[in-house]
PDB file of N, CA and C in Angstrom:
ATOM      1  N   MET A   1      60.486 103.417  95.758  1.00  0.00           N
ATOM      2  CA  MET A   1      60.569 101.772  95.937  1.00  0.00           C
ATOM      3  C   MET A   1      59.733 102.087  97.177  1.00  0.00           C
ATOM      4  N   THR A   2      58.774 100.845  97.410  1.00  0.00           N
ATOM      5  CA  THR A   2      57.755 100.709  98.816  1.00  0.00           C
ATOM      6  C   THR A   2      58.275  99.846  99.961  1.00  0.00           C
ATOM      7  N   ALA A   3      57.894  99.971 100.864  1.00  0.00           N
ATOM      8  CA  ALA A   3      58.437  98.963 102.056  1.00  0.00           C
ATOM      9  C   ALA A   3      58.425  98.162 101.686  1.00  0.00           C
ATOM     10  N   ALA A   4      57.277  97.511 101.134  1.00  0.00           N
ATOM     11  CA  ALA A   4      56.881  95.789 100.611  1.00  0.00           C
ATOM     12  C   ALA A   4      57.791  95.687  99.744  1.00  0.00           C
ATOM     13  N   GLU A   5      58.089  96.565  98.523  1.00  0.00           N
ATOM     14  CA  GLU A   5      59.376  95.829  97.807  1.00  0.00           C
ATOM     15  C   GLU A   5      60.937  95.575  98.159  1.00  0.00           C
ATOM     16  N   ILE A   6      60.790  96.773  99.464  1.00  0.00           N
ATOM     17  CA  ILE A   6      62.100  96.367  99.777  1.00  0.00           C
ATOM     18  C   ILE A   6      62.253  94.657 100.582  1.00  0.00           C
ATOM     19  N   LEU A   7      61.304  94.759 101.657  1.00  0.00           N
ATOM     20  CA  LEU A   7      60.925  93.562 102.779  1.00  0.00           C
ATOM     21  C   LEU A   7      61.083  92.373 101.597  1.00  0.00           C
ATOM     22  N   ASN A   8      60.568  92.403 100.280  1.00  0.00           N
ATOM     23  CA  ASN A   8      60.750  91.339  99.390  1.00  0.00           C
ATOM     24  C   ASN A   8      61.767  90.597  98.914  1.00  0.00           C
ATOM     25  N   PHE A   9      62.988  91.818  99.087  1.00  0.00           N
ATOM     26  CA  PHE A   9      64.396  91.517  98.406  1.00  0.00           C
ATOM     27  C   PHE A   9      65.552  91.182  99.723  1.00  0.00           C
ATOM     28  N   LEU A  10      65.143  92.208 100.581  1.00  0.00           N
ATOM     29  CA  LEU A  10      65.621  92.029 101.940  1.00  0.00           C
ATOM     30  C   LEU A  10      64.537  91.833 103.023  1.00  0.00           C
ATOM     31  N   PRO A  11      64.064  90.821 103.533  1.00  0.00           N
ATOM     32  CA  PRO A  11      63.035  90.500 104.491  1.00  0.00           C
ATOM     33  C   PRO A  11      64.083  90.957 105.902  1.00  0.00           C
ATOM     34  N   CYS A  12      65.161  90.563 106.171  1.00  0.00           N
ATOM     35  CA  CYS A  12      65.872  91.178 107.319  1.00  0.00           C
ATOM     36  C   CYS A  12      65.697  92.545 108.007  1.00  0.00           C
ATOM     37  N   ALA A  13      65.100  93.265 106.901  1.00  0.00           N
ATOM     38  CA  ALA A  13      64.832  94.753 107.194  1.00  0.00           C
ATOM     39  C   ALA A  13      63.795  94.837 108.264  1.00  0.00           C
ATOM     40  N   ASN A  14      62.864  94.006 108.144  1.00  0.00           N
ATOM     41  CA  ASN A  14      61.520  94.011 108.951  1.00  0.00           C
ATOM     42  C   ASN A  14      62.003  94.121 110.538  1.00  0.00           C
ATOM     43  N   ASN A  15      62.774  94.679 110.710  1.00  0.00           N
ATOM     44  CA  ASN A  15      63.019  95.198 112.161  1.00  0.00           C
ATOM     45  C   ASN A  15      62.979  96.453 112.616  1.00  0.00           C
ATOM     46  N   TYR A  16      62.561  96.824 113.409  1.00  0.00           N
ATOM     47  CA  TYR A  16      62.699  98.409 114.027  1.00  0.00           C
ATOM     48  C   TYR A  16      63.962  99.105 113.882  1.00  0.00           C
ATOM     49  N   ASP A  17      64.863  97.955 114.577  1.00  0.00           N
ATOM     50  CA  ASP A  17      66.034  98.831 115.007  1.00  0.00           C
ATOM     51  C   ASP A  17      66.794  99.306 113.645  1.00  0.00           C
ATOM     52  N   ILE A  18      66.501  98.558 112.353  1.00  0.00           N
ATOM     53  CA  ILE A  18      67.364  98.702 111.381  1.00  0.00           C
ATOM     54  C   ILE A  18      66.355  99.382 110.316  1.00  0.00           C
ATOM     55  N   GLN A  19      64.873  99.620 110.510  1.00  0.00           N
ATOM     56  CA  GLN A  19      64.271 100.573 109.630  1.00  0.00           C
ATOM     57  C   GLN A  19      64.429 101.640 110.451  1.00  0.00           C
ATOM     58  N   VAL A  20      64.829 102.241 111.551  1.00  0.00           N
ATOM     59  CA  VAL A  20      64.842 103.276 112.434  1.00  0.00           C
ATOM     60  C   VAL A  20      65.990 104.176 111.870  1.00  0.00           C
ATOM     61  N   LYS A  21      67.221 103.137 111.858  1.00  0.00           N
ATOM     62  CA  LYS A  21      68.601 103.562 111.244  1.00  0.00           C
ATOM     63  C   LYS A  21      68.613 103.553 109.890  1.00  0.00           C
ATOM     64  N   MET A  22      67.895 102.927 109.182  1.00  0.00           N
ATOM     65  CA  MET A  22      67.696 103.621 107.574  1.00  0.00           C
ATOM     66  C   MET A  22      66.905 104.849 106.725  1.00  0.00           C
ATOM     67  N   PHE A  23      66.097 105.051 108.462  1.00  0.00           N
ATOM     68  CA  PHE A  23      65.380 106.047 108.043  1.00  0.00           C
ATOM     69  C   PHE A  23      66.127 107.298 107.971  1.00  0.00           C
ATOM     70  N   GLU A  24      66.951 107.319 109.385  1.00  0.00           N
ATOM     71  CA  GLU A  24      68.073 108.108 110.002  1.00  0.00           C
ATOM     72  C   GLU A  24      69.003 108.555 108.563  1.00  0.00           C
ATOM     73  N   THR A  25      69.639 107.147 108.269  1.00  0.00           N
ATOM     74  CA  THR A  25      70.421 107.621 107.493  1.00  0.00           C
ATOM     75  C   THR A  25      70.121 108.009 106.088  1.00  0.00           C
ATOM     76  N   TYR A  26      68.910 107.892 105.540  1.00  0.00           N
ATOM     77  CA  TYR A  26      67.991 108.140 104.054  1.00  0.00           C
ATOM     78  C   TYR A  26      67.949 110.179 104.544  1.00  0.00           C
ATOM     79  N   ILE A  27      67.300 110.378 105.427  1.00  0.00           N
ATOM     80  CA  ILE A  27      67.269 111.834 105.801  1.00  0.00           C
ATOM     81  C   ILE A  27      68.539 112.539 105.880  1.00  0.00           C
ATOM     82  N   LYS A  28      69.557 111.759 106.357  1.00  0.00           N
ATOM     83  CA  LYS A  28      70.715 112.613 106.093  1.00  0.00           C
ATOM     84  C   LYS A  28      71.409 112.586 104.590  1.00  0.00           C
ATOM     85  N   PHE A  29      70.879 111.865 104.034  1.00  0.00           N
ATOM     86  CA  PHE A  29      71.494 111.552 102.488  1.00  0.00           C
ATOM     87  C   PHE A  29      70.960 112.678 101.917  1.00  0.00           C
ATOM     88  N   VAL A  30      69.052 112.352 102.141  1.00  0.00           N
ATOM     89  CA  VAL A  30      68.336 113.576 101.158  1.00  0.00           C
ATOM     90  C   VAL A  30      68.729 115.081 101.598  1.00  0.00           C
ATOM     91  N   SER A  31      68.831 115.375 102.991  1.00  0.00           N
ATOM     92  CA  SER A  31      69.249 116.342 103.056  1.00  0.00           C
ATOM     93  C   SER A  31      70.449 117.045 102.846  1.00  0.00           C
ATOM     94  N   ALA A  32      71.730 116.397 102.510  1.00  0.00           N
ATOM     95  CA  ALA A  32      72.990 116.470 102.161  1.00  0.00           C
ATOM     96  C   ALA A  32      72.430 116.641 100.706  1.00  0.00           C
ATOM     97  N   ILE A  33      71.523 115.884  99.771  1.00  0.00           N
ATOM     98  CA  ILE A  33      72.088 116.388  98.217  1.00  0.00           C
ATOM     99  C   ILE A  33      71.282 117.186  98.304  1.00  0.00           C
ATOM    100  N   TRP A  34      69.748 117.716  99.028  1.00  0.00           N
ATOM    101  CA  TRP A  34      69.311 118.995  99.294  1.00  0.00           C
ATOM    102  C   TRP A  34      69.985 120.379  99.182  1.00  0.00           C
ATOM    103  N   ILE A  35      71.056 120.351 100.106  1.00  0.00           N
ATOM    104  CA  ILE A  35      71.599 121.608 100.075  1.00  0.00           C
ATOM    105  C   ILE A  35      72.681 121.536  99.039  1.00  0.00           C
ATOM    106  N   ILE A  36      73.399 120.375  98.348  1.00  0.00           N
ATOM    107  CA  ILE A  36      74.420 120.297  97.339  1.00  0.00           C
ATOM    108  C   ILE A  36      73.795 121.061  96.401  1.00  0.00           C
ATOM    109  N   VAL A  37      72.617 120.411  95.725  1.00  0.00           N
ATOM    110  CA  VAL A  37      71.736 120.941  94.473  1.00  0.00           C
ATOM    111  C   VAL A  37      71.481 122.277  94.625  1.00  0.00           C
ATOM    112  N   ASN A  38      71.130 123.033  95.965  1.00  0.00           N
ATOM    113  CA  ASN A  38      70.538 124.283  96.039  1.00  0.00           C
ATOM    114  C   ASN A  38      71.721 125.177  96.206  1.00  0.00           C
ATOM    115  N   TRP A  39      72.755 124.695  96.181  1.00  0.00           N
ATOM    116  CA  TRP A  39      73.969 125.467  96.697  1.00  0.00           C
ATOM    117  C   TRP A  39      74.251 126.431  95.517  1.00  0.00           C
ATOM    118  N   PRO A  40      74.653 127.937  95.865  1.00  0.00           N
ATOM    119  CA  PRO A  40      74.731 129.003  94.793  1.00  0.00           C
ATOM    120  C   PRO A  40      76.264 128.628  93.937  1.00  0.00           C
ATOM    121  N   ASP A  41      76.126 128.811  92.884  1.00  0.00           N
ATOM    122  CA  ASP A  41      76.951 129.084  92.445  1.00  0.00           C
ATOM    123  C   ASP A  41      78.442 128.074  92.699  1.00  0.00           C
ATOM    124  N   PRO A  42      78.092 126.469  92.354  1.00  0.00           N
ATOM    125  CA  PRO A  42      78.950 125.518  93.072  1.00  0.00           C
ATOM    126  C   PRO A  42      80.019 125.540  92.004  1.00  0.00           C
ATOM    127  N   VAL A  43      81.162 125.077  92.627  1.00  0.00           N
ATOM    128  CA  VAL A  43      82.341 124.607  91.593  1.00  0.00           C
ATOM    129  C   VAL A  43      82.059 123.289  90.928  1.00  0.00           C
ATOM    130  N   GLU A  44      82.150 123.046  89.827  1.00  0.00           N
ATOM    131  CA  GLU A  44      81.915 122.080  89.421  1.00  0.00           C
ATOM    132  C   GLU A  44      82.340 120.344  89.939  1.00  0.00           C
ATOM    133  N   ASP A  45      83.730 120.562  89.796  1.00  0.00           N
ATOM    134  CA  ASP A  45      84.402 119.705  90.346  1.00  0.00           C
ATOM    135  C   ASP A  45      84.202 119.328  92.241  1.00  0.00           C
ATOM    136  N   ALA A  46      84.053 120.319  92.636  1.00  0.00           N
ATOM    137  CA  ALA A  46      83.561 120.190  94.355  1.00  0.00           C
ATOM    138  C   ALA A  46      81.870 119.773  94.085  1.00  0.00           C
ATOM    139  N   TYR A  47      81.331 120.104  93.256  1.00  0.00           N
ATOM    140  CA  TYR A  47      79.915 119.616  93.083  1.00  0.00           C
ATOM    141  C   TYR A  47      79.910 118.159  93.077  1.00  0.00           C
ATOM    142  N   ASN A  48      80.599 118.018  92.272  1.00  0.00           N
ATOM    143  CA  ASN A  48      80.277 116.452  91.895  1.00  0.00           C
ATOM    144  C   ASN A  48      81.230 115.932  92.708  1.00  0.00           C
ATOM    145  N   THR A  49      82.595 115.941  93.870  1.00  0.00           N
ATOM    146  CA  THR A  49      83.127 115.871  95.152  1.00  0.00           C
ATOM    147  C   THR A  49      81.759 115.501  96.012  1.00  0.00           C
ATOM    148  N   MET A  50      81.148 116.516  96.050  1.00  0.00           N
ATOM    149  CA  MET A  50      80.215 116.433  97.401  1.00  0.00           C
ATOM    150  C   MET A  50      78.856 115.595  96.965  1.00  0.00           C
ATOM    151  N   ILE A  51      78.267 115.108  95.659  1.00  0.00           N
ATOM    152  CA  ILE A  51      77.447 114.441  95.248  1.00  0.00           C
ATOM    153  C   ILE A  51      77.939 113.017  95.554  1.00  0.00           C
ATOM    154  N   CYS A  52      79.500 112.881  95.267  1.00  0.00           N
ATOM    155  CA  CYS A  52      79.691 111.286  95.457  1.00  0.00           C
ATOM    156  C   CYS A  52      80.019 111.179  97.064  1.00  0.00           C
ATOM    157  N   ARG A  53      80.522 111.853  97.309  1.00  0.00           N
ATOM    158  CA  ARG A  53      80.241 111.429  99.202  1.00  0.00           C
ATOM    159  C   ARG A  53      79.388 111.239  99.427  1.00  0.00           C
ATOM    160  N   ALA A  54      78.179 112.119  99.406  1.00  0.00           N
ATOM    161  CA  ALA A  54      76.828 111.911  99.763  1.00  0.00           C
ATOM    162  C   ALA A  54      76.397 110.659  99.387  1.00  0.00           C
ATOM    163  N   PHE A  55      76.317 109.727  98.266  1.00  0.00           N
ATOM    164  CA  PHE A  55      76.084 108.882  97.987  1.00  0.00           C
ATOM    165  C   PHE A  55      76.873 107.619  98.293  1.00  0.00           C
ATOM    166  N   PHE A  56      78.359 107.592  98.654  1.00  0.00           N
ATOM    167  CA  PHE A  56      79.171 107.000  98.977  1.00  0.00           C
ATOM    168  C   PHE A  56      78.445 106.695 100.691  1.00  0.00           C
ATOM    169  N   GLU A  57      78.596 107.527 101.365  1.00  0.00           N
ATOM    170  CA  GLU A  57      78.355 107.767 102.813  1.00  0.00           C
ATOM    171  C   GLU A  57      77.236 106.892 103.379  1.00  0.00           C
ATOM    172  N   PHE A  58      75.809 107.425 102.313  1.00  0.00           N
ATOM    173  CA  PHE A  58      74.528 106.412 102.321  1.00  0.00           C
ATOM    174  C   PHE A  58      74.813 105.285 102.232  1.00  0.00           C
ATOM    175  N   LYS A  59      75.931 104.745 101.526  1.00  0.00           N
ATOM    176  CA  LYS A  59      75.799 103.099 101.463  1.00  0.00           C
ATOM    177  C   LYS A  59      76.570 102.703 102.307  1.00  0.00           C
ATOM    178  N   SER A  60      77.550 103.405 102.884  1.00  0.00           N
ATOM    179  CA  SER A  60      78.502 102.729 103.879  1.00  0.00           C
ATOM    180  C   SER A  60      77.469 102.754 105.152  1.00  0.00           C
ATOM    181  N   GLU A  61      76.912 103.467 105.419  1.00  0.00           N
ATOM    182  CA  GLU A  61      76.077 103.510 106.776  1.00  0.00           C
ATOM    183  C   GLU A  61      74.740 102.912 106.567  1.00  0.00           C
ATOM    184  N   THR A  62      74.191 102.441 105.202  1.00  0.00           N
ATOM    185  CA  THR A  62      73.264 102.057 105.026  1.00  0.00           C
ATOM    186  C   THR A  62      73.554 100.194 105.161  1.00  0.00           C
ATOM    187  N   ASP A  63      75.178  99.823 104.367  1.00  0.00           N
ATOM    188  CA  ASP A  63      75.460  98.581 104.804  1.00  0.00           C
ATOM    189  C   ASP A  63      75.963  98.422 106.111  1.00  0.00           C
ATOM    190  N   GLU A  64      76.213  99.436 106.935  1.00  0.00           N
ATOM    191  CA  GLU A  64      76.828  99.109 108.700  1.00  0.00           C
ATOM    192  C   GLU A  64      75.365  98.579 109.177  1.00  0.00           C
ATOM    193  N   SER A  65      73.981  99.288 108.891  1.00  0.00           N
ATOM    194  CA  SER A  65      73.149  99.034 109.540  1.00  0.00           C
ATOM    195  C   SER A  65      72.341  97.519 108.935  1.00  0.00           C
ATOM    196  N   ILE A  66      72.960  97.573 107.705  1.00  0.00           N
ATOM    197  CA  ILE A  66      72.348  95.779 107.234  1.00  0.00           C
ATOM    198  C   ILE A  66      73.190  94.722 107.921  1.00  0.00           C
ATOM    199  N   GLY A  67      74.314  94.812 108.010  1.00  0.00           N
ATOM    200  CA  GLY A  67      75.654  94.312 108.087  1.00  0.00           C
ATOM    201  C   GLY A  67      75.526  93.969 109.863  1.00  0.00           C
ATOM    202  N   GLU A  68      74.521  94.861 110.605  1.00  0.00           N
ATOM    203  CA  GLU A  68      74.571  94.650 112.368  1.00  0.00           C
ATOM    204  C   GLU A  68      73.683  93.968 112.521  1.00  0.00           C
ATOM    205  N   HIS A  69      72.364  93.449 111.410  1.00  0.00           N
ATOM    206  CA  HIS A  69      71.454  92.894 111.871  1.00  0.00           C
ATOM    207  C   HIS A  69      70.679  91.747 111.172  1.00  0.00           C
ATOM    208  N   CYS A  70      71.200  92.047 109.410  1.00  0.00           N
ATOM    209  CA  CYS A  70      71.320  90.581 108.815  1.00  0.00           C
ATOM    210  C   CYS A  70      72.641  90.064 108.394  1.00  0.00           C
ATOM    211  N   SER A  71      72.406  89.401 107.368  1.00  0.00           N
ATOM    212  CA  SER A  71      73.467  88.393 106.888  1.00  0.00           C
ATOM    213  C   SER A  71      74.517  89.187 105.968  1.00  0.00           C
ATOM    214  N   ALA A  72      75.795  88.967 105.928  1.00  0.00           N
ATOM    215  CA  ALA A  72      76.866  89.209 104.600  1.00  0.00           C
ATOM    216  C   ALA A  72      76.142  89.026 103.214  1.00  0.00           C
ATOM    217  N   GLU A  73      75.169  87.697 103.139  1.00  0.00           N
ATOM    218  CA  GLU A  73      74.314  87.594 102.060  1.00  0.00           C
ATOM    219  C   GLU A  73      73.699  89.101 101.465  1.00  0.00           C
ATOM    220  N   ASP A  74      72.484  89.292 102.891  1.00  0.00           N
ATOM    221  CA  ASP A  74      71.897  90.537 102.873  1.00  0.00           C
ATOM    222  C   ASP A  74      72.691  91.836 102.174  1.00  0.00           C
ATOM    223  N   VAL A  75      73.756  91.776 102.814  1.00  0.00           N
ATOM    224  CA  VAL A  75      74.727  92.944 102.609  1.00  0.00           C
ATOM    225  C   VAL A  75      74.965  93.187 101.044  1.00  0.00           C
ATOM    226  N   THR A  76      75.312  92.201 100.546  1.00  0.00           N
ATOM    227  CA  THR A  76      75.559  91.947  99.226  1.00  0.00           C
ATOM    228  C   THR A  76      74.371  92.458  98.308  1.00  0.00           C
ATOM    229  N   THR A  77      73.479  91.803  98.855  1.00  0.00           N
ATOM    230  CA  THR A  77      72.143  91.933  97.949  1.00  0.00           C
ATOM    231  C   THR A  77      71.481  93.360  97.665  1.00  0.00           C
ATOM    232  N   PHE A  78      72.036  94.260  99.103  1.00  0.00           N
ATOM    233  CA  PHE A  78      71.657  95.609  99.380  1.00  0.00           C
ATOM    234  C   PHE A  78      72.658  96.136  98.008  1.00  0.00           C
ATOM    235  N   GLY A  79      73.742  95.794  98.353  1.00  0.00           N
ATOM    236  CA  GLY A  79      75.127  96.421  97.259  1.00  0.00           C
ATOM    237  C   GLY A  79      74.626  96.170  95.716  1.00  0.00           C
ATOM    238  N   GLU A  80      74.273  94.946  95.476  1.00  0.00           N
ATOM    239  CA  GLU A  80      73.360  95.241  94.092  1.00  0.00           C
ATOM    240  C   GLU A  80      72.362  95.749  93.967  1.00  0.00           C
ATOM    241  N   PHE A  81      71.737  96.160  94.792  1.00  0.00           N
ATOM    242  CA  PHE A  81      70.627  96.835  94.416  1.00  0.00           C
ATOM    243  C   PHE A  81      70.792  98.018  94.236  1.00  0.00           C
ATOM    244  N   TYR A  82      71.334  98.452  95.221  1.00  0.00           N
ATOM    245  CA  TYR A  82      71.823 100.092  95.384  1.00  0.00           C
ATOM    246  C   TYR A  82      72.832 100.102  94.048  1.00  0.00           C
ATOM    247  N   SER A  83      73.541  99.287  93.600  1.00  0.00           N
ATOM    248  CA  SER A  83      74.366  99.665  92.596  1.00  0.00           C
ATOM    249  C   SER A  83      73.883  99.500  91.234  1.00  0.00           C
ATOM    250  N   ALA A  84      72.586  98.997  90.945  1.00  0.00           N
ATOM    251  CA  ALA A  84      71.632  99.090  89.735  1.00  0.00           C
ATOM    252  C   ALA A  84      70.732 100.467  89.746  1.00  0.00           C
ATOM    253  N   MET A  85      70.298 100.653  91.030  1.00  0.00           N
ATOM    254  CA  MET A  85      69.641 101.903  91.304  1.00  0.00           C
ATOM    255  C   MET A  85      70.327 103.353  91.148  1.00  0.00           C
ATOM    256  N   THR A  86      71.727 103.434  91.614  1.00  0.00           N
ATOM    257  CA  THR A  86      72.497 104.708  91.534  1.00  0.00           C
ATOM    258  C   THR A  86      73.849 104.647  90.295  1.00  0.00           C
ATOM    259  N   SER A  87      73.493 103.320  89.433  1.00  0.00           N
ATOM    260  CA  SER A  87      74.984 103.382  88.584  1.00  0.00           C
ATOM    261  C   SER A  87      74.461 104.795  87.488  1.00  0.00           C
ATOM    262  N   LYS A  88      73.468 105.439  86.789  1.00  0.00           N
ATOM    263  CA  LYS A  88      73.353 106.464  86.344  1.00  0.00           C
ATOM    264  C   LYS A  88      73.957 107.405  86.784  1.00  0.00           C
ATOM    265  N   MET A  89      73.488 107.872  88.302  1.00  0.00           N
ATOM    266  CA  MET A  89      73.703 109.100  88.817  1.00  0.00           C
ATOM    267  C   MET A  89      74.847 109.394  89.157  1.00  0.00           C
ATOM    268  N   LEU A  90      75.838 108.262  89.268  1.00  0.00           N
ATOM    269  CA  LEU A  90      77.259 108.180  89.922  1.00  0.00           C
ATOM    270  C   LEU A  90      78.265 108.107  88.466  1.00  0.00           C
ATOM    271  N   SER A  91      77.639 107.746  87.362  1.00  0.00           N
ATOM    272  CA  SER A  91      78.324 107.910  86.252  1.00  0.00           C
ATOM    273  C   SER A  91      78.237 109.359  85.684  1.00  0.00           C
ATOM    274  N   LYS A  92      77.242 109.899  86.349  1.00  0.00           N
ATOM    275  CA  LYS A  92      76.948 111.103  85.609  1.00  0.00           C
ATOM    276  C   LYS A  92      78.208 112.140  86.328  1.00  0.00           C
ATOM    277  N   HIS A  93      78.396 111.742  87.551  1.00  0.00           N
ATOM    278  CA  HIS A  93      79.043 112.646  88.301  1.00  0.00           C
ATOM    279  C   HIS A  93      80.269 112.109  88.533  1.00  0.00           C
ATOM    280  N   SER A  94      80.987 111.175  87.858  1.00  0.00           N
ATOM    281  CA  SER A  94      82.114 110.540  87.708  1.00  0.00           C
ATOM    282  C   SER A  94      82.502 110.544  88.853  1.00  0.00           C
ATOM    283  N   CYS A  95      81.622 109.508  89.809  1.00  0.00           N
ATOM    284  CA  CYS A  95      81.852 108.945  91.378  1.00  0.00           C
ATOM    285  C   CYS A  95      82.484 107.647  91.138  1.00  0.00           C
ATOM    286  N   ASP A  96      83.652 107.758  91.793  1.00  0.00           N
ATOM    287  CA  ASP A  96      84.697 106.520  91.634  1.00  0.00           C
ATOM    288  C   ASP A  96      85.671 106.785  93.216  1.00  0.00           C
ATOM    289  N   GLU A  97      85.906 105.975  93.381  1.00  0.00           N
ATOM    290  CA  GLU A  97      86.846 105.936  94.695  1.00  0.00           C
ATOM    291  C   GLU A  97      87.695 107.013  95.035  1.00  0.00           C
ATOM    292  N   ASP A  98      88.613 107.945  94.085  1.00  0.00           N
ATOM    293  CA  ASP A  98      88.987 108.861  94.309  1.00  0.00           C
ATOM    294  C   ASP A  98      88.531 109.741  94.843  1.00  0.00           C
ATOM    295  N   HIS A  99      87.127 109.968  94.562  1.00  0.00           N
ATOM    296  CA  HIS A  99      86.539 110.750  95.690  1.00  0.00           C
ATOM    297  C   HIS A  99      86.208 110.813  96.875  1.00  0.00           C
ATOM    298  N   LEU A 100      86.409 109.774  97.727  1.00  0.00           N
ATOM    299  CA  LEU A 100      86.087 109.422  98.793  1.00  0.00           C
ATOM    300  C   LEU A 100      87.529 110.071  99.927  1.00  0.00           C
ATOM    301  N   ASN A 101      88.684 110.687  98.880  1.00  0.00           N
ATOM    302  CA  ASN A 101      90.133 110.843  99.229  1.00  0.00           C
ATOM    303  C   ASN A 101      90.205 112.322  99.006  1.00  0.00           C
ATOM    304  N   HIS A 102      89.519 113.173  98.498  1.00  0.00           N
ATOM    305  CA  HIS A 102      89.104 114.429  98.205  1.00  0.00           C
ATOM    306  C   HIS A 102      88.849 115.224  99.697  1.00  0.00           C
TER     307      HIS A 102
END
């Protein structure tokens, strides 16, 4: 997804502070996923838990950034976008709220 596409549905993101925070959050997320995926001989349940936590942490940090600079409606809009974009991956790894408590 391009920056223009994001700004189309989330115009409040056209703000330096939110863009920097979202970029930092994205880099942390991608780095975490890379480490998890490349971990030698992972235990499947632990692997799934780590993947889920990375996704949940990304969502939480992004919600926080959007919430600081945008409206509650924008946070909801991002949540709907996030759900649509990640539902297959979260389902594949059986991600639910229980993974936050492991």
